[in-house]
Amino acid sequence: VEQMERLPAHHVQILHPEMQKCWANVIGQVQDSSKRIYTISALAFNAWLLDHSFTLQTIDRSGIIAYHDFLAHSYKKATAARMWSVARNLLQESVALQLRIDDPTFKVKGFKVDDESPHIALSREQVRELLDAIDTSKLKGKRDYAILLLLIRTGIRRAECAALTIGDFGPEQGHTVMTIQRGKGKKRRMIKVPVDVFRVLEEYITTTGRTFTSLSDPLFIGFDRGQHPTTQPISTRTIERTVIACGKLIGIEHLTPHDLRTTFNTLARKGGAGLELRQRAMGHKRPETTQIYDRDTDNLDDSAVDYIKP
């Protein structure tokens, strides 16, 4: 939204013709859950090029440095870094397609993003307060409770949650597990589902009165305006709106699904889960990424200095 508001109205809808093939190649390599925000970044770059009488073929090193400066002064670091990455990918693709002979971003410094997640982690007390605030006397409330509990207790991403089907759950080594078929990077992973969480999922399914015709039927479904369940799978936007609305019930103005993922990592670490276990559950490629999600690193009650005896 922040990016779209900065765009001239006449540039919002259409990419320059020469950019379209490059963009098709770039967006084809992006995870589905990220395509919307990456498209916005491409539109922003497209708008800037047109407003400064450049095209993907004609922009030179001075022009790209000017765009870099524009991003630095117009956006937060994380947003600027993503927008810069999209612009650089487009220019590199234009070289690959022989639309130009060089990449003007070569040796132009990117944006260093602080090595810390901006998201919050709820305490155990806040988690209980959040779940207790949901009205589970209604069908939609039972669904919302099940969604939030699953996000908090397993650390899965909202896109992974939205994509879950009935067939993704099954027994393994005496436990109930769910399989994330296409996580970030299109990676598949298996996650244990705690017994109490699975019971909540079962109750949600039972009370909606659903009948399943296929293992590919969605686990979480939408509701129409009359609060009646539909057969359509829930969207990531609906999950985000649900988390925000529930957060407001306990005085947190903008709680996000990513905050619940951060909550999972932080509470799991405080409960004794090692880094490797948390990394595997969250589907991170690098352990450093998992550490960024830990919001309890300054806890003086558990410090490295306490482990050296005098």
Protein backbone atom coordinates (compact mmCIF):
# COMPACT_ATOMS: atom_id res chain seq x y z
CA VAL A 1 0.00 0.00 0.00
CA GLU A 2 2.82 2.40 0.90
CA GLN A 3 4.43 1.77 -2.48
CA MET A 4 1.21 2.05 -4.48
CA GLU A 5 0.35 5.39 -2.91
CA ARG A 6 3.64 6.81 -4.19
CA LEU A 7 2.94 5.80 -7.79
CA PRO A 8 1.45 8.24 -10.32
CA ALA A 9 -2.07 7.01 -11.10
CA HIS A 10 -1.37 6.56 -14.83
CA HIS A 11 1.52 4.16 -14.15
CA VAL A 12 -0.13 1.79 -11.72
CA GLN A 13 -1.65 -0.71 -14.13
CA ILE A 14 0.71 -1.18 -17.09
CA LEU A 15 4.33 -2.26 -17.38
CA HIS A 16 6.37 -0.82 -20.23
CA PRO A 17 6.17 -3.31 -23.18
CA GLU A 18 9.91 -4.05 -23.16
CA MET A 19 9.75 -4.88 -19.45
CA GLN A 20 6.97 -7.42 -19.77
CA LYS A 21 9.03 -10.38 -21.02
CA CYS A 22 11.74 -9.74 -18.44
CA TRP A 23 9.11 -9.51 -15.73
CA ALA A 24 7.47 -12.77 -16.85
CA ASN A 25 10.81 -14.53 -16.35
CA VAL A 26 11.43 -12.86 -12.97
CA ILE A 27 7.96 -13.45 -11.49
CA GLY A 28 8.02 -17.05 -12.71
CA GLN A 29 10.75 -17.76 -10.15
CA VAL A 30 8.94 -16.13 -7.21
CA GLN A 31 6.96 -18.00 -4.56
CA ASP A 32 3.18 -17.56 -5.06
CA SER A 33 2.74 -15.91 -1.67
CA SER A 34 5.29 -13.21 -2.63
CA LYS A 35 4.10 -12.45 -6.16
CA ARG A 36 1.74 -9.64 -5.18
CA ILE A 37 4.35 -7.59 -3.30
CA TYR A 38 7.01 -8.26 -5.94
CA THR A 39 4.62 -7.07 -8.64
CA ILE A 40 4.07 -3.84 -6.73
CA SER A 41 7.84 -3.35 -6.61
CA ALA A 42 8.07 -3.90 -10.37
CA LEU A 43 5.31 -1.35 -10.98
CA ALA A 44 7.13 1.15 -8.77
CA PHE A 45 10.36 0.70 -10.75
CA ASN A 46 8.39 0.95 -14.00
CA ALA A 47 6.77 4.21 -12.84
CA TRP A 48 10.10 5.70 -11.81
CA LEU A 49 11.68 4.81 -15.16
CA LEU A 50 8.87 6.43 -17.13
CA ASP A 51 8.84 9.56 -14.97
CA HIS A 52 12.56 10.00 -15.58
CA SER A 53 12.41 9.25 -19.32
CA PHE A 54 14.22 5.93 -18.99
CA THR A 55 13.40 2.42 -20.13
CA LEU A 56 14.86 -0.89 -19.09
CA GLN A 57 17.19 -0.64 -22.10
CA THR A 58 18.28 2.99 -21.76
CA ILE A 59 18.84 3.46 -18.03
CA ASP A 60 22.56 3.88 -17.33
CA ARG A 61 24.70 3.69 -14.20
CA SER A 62 23.94 7.28 -13.20
CA GLY A 63 20.23 6.60 -13.61
CA ILE A 64 20.29 3.45 -11.48
CA ILE A 65 22.25 5.26 -8.76
CA ALA A 66 19.54 7.95 -8.82
CA TYR A 67 16.90 5.22 -8.36
CA HIS A 68 18.93 3.77 -5.50
CA ASP A 69 19.00 7.22 -3.88
CA PHE A 70 15.23 7.57 -4.39
CA LEU A 71 14.62 4.26 -2.59
CA ALA A 72 16.98 5.19 0.24
CA HIS A 73 15.11 8.43 0.95
CA SER A 74 11.56 7.18 0.32
CA TYR A 75 11.27 3.80 2.03
CA LYS A 76 12.30 1.84 5.09
CA LYS A 77 15.39 -0.32 4.63
CA ALA A 78 13.56 -3.63 4.28
CA THR A 79 11.19 -2.23 1.66
CA ALA A 80 13.99 -0.46 -0.21
CA ALA A 81 16.04 -3.69 -0.21
CA ARG A 82 13.19 -5.67 -1.75
CA MET A 83 12.45 -3.01 -4.38
CA TRP A 84 16.15 -2.78 -5.25
CA SER A 85 16.31 -6.55 -5.61
CA VAL A 86 13.38 -6.56 -8.03
CA ALA A 87 14.92 -3.77 -10.13
CA ARG A 88 18.26 -5.57 -10.21
CA ASN A 89 16.60 -8.86 -11.22
CA LEU A 90 14.78 -7.11 -14.06
CA LEU A 91 17.99 -5.55 -15.35
CA GLN A 92 19.90 -8.83 -15.08
CA GLU A 93 17.10 -10.56 -16.98
CA SER A 94 17.23 -7.89 -19.69
CA VAL A 95 20.93 -8.70 -20.12
CA ALA A 96 20.13 -12.41 -20.32
CA LEU A 97 17.54 -11.68 -23.02
CA GLN A 98 20.09 -9.50 -24.83
CA LEU A 99 17.98 -6.37 -24.54
CA ARG A 100 21.08 -4.61 -23.24
CA ILE A 101 24.76 -5.50 -22.99
CA ASP A 102 25.50 -4.56 -19.39
CA ASP A 103 23.97 -4.48 -15.93
CA PRO A 104 24.10 -0.91 -14.50
CA THR A 105 23.62 -2.26 -10.95
CA PHE A 106 27.04 -3.97 -11.09
CA LYS A 107 29.06 -2.98 -7.99
CA VAL A 108 26.32 -0.60 -6.81
CA LYS A 109 25.83 -1.33 -3.10
CA GLY A 110 22.48 -2.68 -2.04
CA PHE A 111 20.68 -2.02 1.24
CA LYS A 112 21.91 -3.63 4.44
CA VAL A 113 18.88 -4.67 6.45
CA ASP A 114 19.24 -4.88 10.22
CA ASP A 115 19.86 -8.50 11.26
CA GLU A 116 16.80 -8.58 13.46
CA SER A 117 13.15 -9.33 12.83
CA PRO A 118 10.87 -6.30 13.34
CA HIS A 119 8.11 -8.60 14.55
CA ILE A 120 6.97 -9.08 18.12
CA ALA A 121 6.61 -12.26 20.13
CA LEU A 122 3.72 -12.80 22.50
CA SER A 123 4.34 -14.08 26.00
CA ARG A 124 2.62 -17.27 27.18
CA GLU A 125 0.14 -15.10 29.10
CA GLN A 126 -0.62 -13.03 26.00
CA VAL A 127 -1.12 -16.20 23.95
CA ARG A 128 -3.70 -17.44 26.47
CA GLU A 129 -5.38 -14.03 26.51
CA LEU A 130 -5.47 -13.93 22.71
CA LEU A 131 -7.05 -17.36 22.35
CA ASP A 132 -9.51 -16.75 25.19
CA ALA A 133 -10.70 -13.56 23.47
CA ILE A 134 -12.00 -15.46 20.43
CA ASP A 135 -15.74 -16.17 20.49
CA THR A 136 -15.82 -19.91 19.88
CA SER A 137 -19.59 -20.13 20.32
CA LYS A 138 -19.81 -19.37 16.59
CA LEU A 139 -18.54 -21.53 13.73
CA LYS A 140 -16.30 -18.79 12.37
CA GLY A 141 -14.83 -18.34 15.84
CA LYS A 142 -13.97 -22.03 16.02
CA ARG A 143 -12.18 -21.73 12.70
CA ASP A 144 -10.31 -18.61 13.80
CA TYR A 145 -9.29 -20.24 17.08
CA ALA A 146 -7.98 -23.29 15.20
CA ILE A 147 -6.00 -21.13 12.77
CA LEU A 148 -4.31 -19.03 15.46
CA LEU A 149 -3.57 -22.03 17.64
CA LEU A 150 -2.00 -23.88 14.70
CA LEU A 151 0.14 -20.87 13.72
CA ILE A 152 1.36 -20.33 17.28
CA ARG A 153 2.03 -23.98 18.13
CA THR A 154 3.69 -25.08 14.87
CA GLY A 155 5.26 -21.88 13.46
CA ILE A 156 4.03 -22.45 9.90
CA ARG A 157 3.68 -19.57 7.47
CA ARG A 158 0.24 -18.14 6.63
CA ALA A 159 0.57 -19.31 3.00
CA GLU A 160 1.36 -22.81 4.24
CA CYS A 161 -1.64 -22.66 6.57
CA ALA A 162 -3.98 -21.53 3.79
CA ALA A 163 -2.79 -24.33 1.51
CA LEU A 164 -3.40 -27.18 4.00
CA THR A 165 -5.74 -29.95 2.88
CA ILE A 166 -7.33 -32.85 4.70
CA GLY A 167 -4.88 -35.20 3.02
CA ASP A 168 -1.91 -33.35 4.51
CA PHE A 169 -2.60 -34.90 7.92
CA GLY A 170 -1.82 -38.45 8.91
CA PRO A 171 -0.09 -40.80 11.38
CA GLU A 172 3.67 -41.15 11.61
CA GLN A 173 5.67 -42.96 14.34
CA GLY A 174 2.64 -42.96 16.62
CA HIS A 175 2.04 -39.21 16.22
CA THR A 176 -0.18 -37.02 14.06
CA VAL A 177 1.80 -35.05 11.51
CA MET A 178 0.99 -32.54 8.81
CA THR A 179 2.95 -32.28 5.58
CA ILE A 180 3.73 -28.89 4.13
CA GLN A 181 3.69 -29.78 0.45
CA ARG A 182 5.11 -26.54 -0.95
CA GLY A 183 6.88 -24.41 1.62
CA LYS A 184 9.15 -21.49 0.81
CA GLY A 185 11.49 -22.49 -1.99
CA LYS A 186 8.93 -25.19 -2.91
CA LYS A 187 10.36 -27.41 -0.19
CA ARG A 188 8.35 -30.18 1.44
CA ARG A 189 8.55 -30.81 5.18
CA MET A 190 6.72 -32.74 7.87
CA ILE A 191 5.67 -31.21 11.20
CA LYS A 192 4.34 -32.94 14.30
CA VAL A 193 0.90 -31.69 15.38
CA PRO A 194 0.48 -31.58 19.19
CA VAL A 195 -2.42 -33.69 20.46
CA ASP A 196 -4.37 -30.75 21.88
CA VAL A 197 -3.99 -28.81 18.64
CA PHE A 198 -5.25 -31.74 16.57
CA ARG A 199 -8.29 -32.06 18.85
CA VAL A 200 -9.14 -28.40 18.21
CA LEU A 201 -8.85 -29.01 14.47
CA GLU A 202 -11.14 -32.04 14.76
CA GLU A 203 -13.72 -30.03 16.72
CA TYR A 204 -13.64 -27.25 14.12
CA ILE A 205 -14.20 -29.75 11.30
CA THR A 206 -16.98 -31.59 13.15
CA THR A 207 -18.97 -28.47 14.11
CA THR A 208 -18.94 -27.11 10.56
CA GLY A 209 -20.72 -30.30 9.47
CA ARG A 210 -18.46 -30.72 6.46
CA THR A 211 -18.39 -33.79 4.25
CA PHE A 212 -15.24 -34.45 2.30
CA THR A 213 -15.15 -35.83 -1.22
CA SER A 214 -11.39 -35.78 -1.71
CA LEU A 215 -8.15 -35.67 0.27
CA SER A 216 -7.42 -32.41 -1.59
CA ASP A 217 -10.35 -30.65 0.11
CA PRO A 218 -9.10 -27.57 2.01
CA LEU A 219 -8.73 -27.71 5.78
CA PHE A 220 -9.62 -24.07 6.39
CA ILE A 221 -12.53 -22.60 4.46
CA GLY A 222 -14.09 -19.18 4.06
CA PHE A 223 -17.42 -17.92 5.37
CA ASP A 224 -19.98 -15.91 3.45
CA ARG A 225 -21.44 -12.67 4.76
CA GLY A 226 -24.12 -14.60 6.57
CA GLN A 227 -21.40 -16.39 8.52
CA HIS A 228 -22.14 -19.66 6.73
CA PRO A 229 -19.20 -21.90 5.80
CA THR A 230 -18.38 -22.20 2.11
CA THR A 231 -16.42 -24.86 0.25
CA GLN A 232 -13.74 -22.41 -0.85
CA PRO A 233 -10.26 -22.48 0.74
CA ILE A 234 -9.31 -19.58 2.96
CA SER A 235 -6.99 -16.95 1.50
CA THR A 236 -3.77 -15.61 3.02
CA ARG A 237 -5.39 -12.17 3.19
CA THR A 238 -8.25 -13.59 5.27
CA ILE A 239 -5.75 -15.20 7.65
CA GLU A 240 -3.94 -11.88 8.00
CA ARG A 241 -7.19 -9.97 8.66
CA THR A 242 -8.24 -12.61 11.20
CA VAL A 243 -4.99 -12.33 13.16
CA ILE A 244 -5.16 -8.51 13.12
CA ALA A 245 -8.78 -8.55 14.34
CA CYS A 246 -7.99 -10.99 17.15
CA GLY A 247 -4.96 -8.96 18.19
CA LYS A 248 -7.13 -5.87 18.59
CA LEU A 249 -9.30 -7.79 21.04
CA ILE A 250 -6.40 -7.78 23.52
CA GLY A 251 -5.12 -4.30 22.70
CA ILE A 252 -2.46 -5.16 20.10
CA GLU A 253 -3.15 -2.82 17.22
CA HIS A 254 -1.47 -4.65 14.36
CA LEU A 255 -0.69 -8.26 15.23
CA THR A 256 0.41 -10.22 12.15
CA PRO A 257 0.75 -13.91 11.22
CA HIS A 258 4.51 -13.33 11.16
CA ASP A 259 4.32 -12.20 14.79
CA LEU A 260 2.76 -15.57 15.62
CA ARG A 261 5.61 -17.30 13.79
CA THR A 262 8.05 -15.26 15.86
CA THR A 263 6.07 -16.21 18.96
CA PHE A 264 6.44 -19.90 18.12
CA ASN A 265 10.21 -19.62 17.76
CA THR A 266 10.68 -17.57 20.91
CA LEU A 267 8.46 -19.73 23.14
CA ALA A 268 9.93 -22.95 21.73
CA ARG A 269 13.44 -21.75 22.53
CA LYS A 270 12.41 -20.69 26.03
CA GLY A 271 10.86 -24.14 26.46
CA GLY A 272 14.17 -25.80 25.63
CA ALA A 273 13.89 -26.56 21.89
CA GLY A 274 17.31 -26.45 20.24
CA LEU A 275 18.13 -24.33 17.21
CA GLU A 276 18.17 -27.27 14.80
CA LEU A 277 14.70 -28.42 15.87
CA ARG A 278 13.26 -24.93 15.49
CA GLN A 279 14.96 -24.40 12.15
CA ARG A 280 13.51 -27.64 10.79
CA ALA A 281 9.99 -26.87 12.01
CA MET A 282 10.02 -23.35 10.56
CA GLY A 283 11.44 -24.47 7.24
CA HIS A 284 14.46 -22.17 7.28
CA LYS A 285 17.41 -22.89 5.03
CA ARG A 286 19.91 -21.29 7.42
CA PRO A 287 20.03 -21.40 11.24
CA GLU A 288 20.88 -17.68 11.27
CA THR A 289 17.40 -16.95 9.90
CA THR A 290 15.80 -18.87 12.76
CA GLN A 291 17.86 -16.92 15.29
CA ILE A 292 16.55 -13.64 13.87
CA TYR A 293 13.04 -14.72 14.93
CA ASP A 294 14.05 -15.04 18.58
CA ARG A 295 12.70 -12.11 20.57
CA ASP A 296 14.16 -13.25 23.91
CA THR A 297 17.87 -12.85 23.26
CA ASP A 298 18.25 -10.20 25.97
CA ASN A 299 16.82 -12.35 28.75
CA LEU A 300 19.24 -11.83 31.66
CA ASP A 301 17.68 -14.71 33.60
CA ASP A 302 19.33 -17.07 31.09
CA SER A 303 22.70 -15.67 30.11
CA ALA A 304 25.84 -17.42 28.81
CA VAL A 305 27.81 -16.04 31.76
CA ASP A 306 25.70 -18.15 34.15
CA TYR A 307 27.06 -21.37 32.67
CA ILE A 308 30.66 -20.79 33.84
CA LYS A 309 31.11 -21.78 37.46
CA PRO A 310 33.54 -19.81 39.71
